[in-house]
Amino acid sequence: MSIRVMLVDDQVLLRTGFRMVLAAQPDMEVVAEAGDGVEALEVLRSTAVDVVLMDVRMPKLDGVETTRRICSEPDAPKVLILTTFDLDEYAFSGLKAGASGFMLKDVPPAELLGAIRSVHSGDAVVAPSTTRRLLDRFSPMLPSSGKEPEHKELGRLTDREREVMMLVAQGLSNGEIAARLVLSEATVKTHVGRILTKLGLRDRVQVVVLAYETGLVRAGGGAAN
């Protein structure tokens, strides 16, 4: 069954380019397009979509608010935020709004296709190192390193789970975490799953956002003291 993709961007040429790339894939189908957030919400009421590629800066209703409204619905499609380096703050807001990740608009086609497939399968779509670089760019928006974590559920994590969470937020993949902690990748994946469950988070992207927001990890990728 093909992955049903919706393109939301006010630039027709960009949508055309993405559509051509996706149309060449046997496992993907562009089932809908929209030029702004209002139109996107209207289309989604009558069209079944698996993954939404969402621009952030659009007329009428921007991508962040559109993402928030989409993700607040039951059985919502996954949302990938499309951004450029000068719109980092929008990408961060989009992740908080419920997006499963973000991609740069000039991402190589192979990476975009891989991200769509990953999202559809339920995984986070953003490479942890890319997430870290993005978050590091707006450290003034994040807590100072002297703050104690404020999320009360962090207290439910075991020492090992907290350690794994900090490494996820610092940009390490499951394989890298396994090597660092001398664990199997399966064990690390189990720890990540427990972290998601205990903290009520959807994916590892939200783990990264929460770790930075609470001060568990400071901007720059290091653990808070």
Foldseek 3Di string as FASTA:
>chain_A
DAAEEEEEALDPVLVVVLQVLQVVDPRYDHPYYYNALVVVVVVVVPDDHAEYEAEADGPPHGRLVSLLVQQVDPPGHAYEYEAALVPLVSQLSNVVSPHLYYDYSPDPSVLVVVLSVCVSVQARRDQLVVLLVSCLVCLVVFDDLPAAFDQVLVVVADPVLLVLLLQSLLRDDLVRVCVVVVHDSVVSVVSQVVVCVSSVHRYSSVSNSSCRRRSCAHRVSHGRD
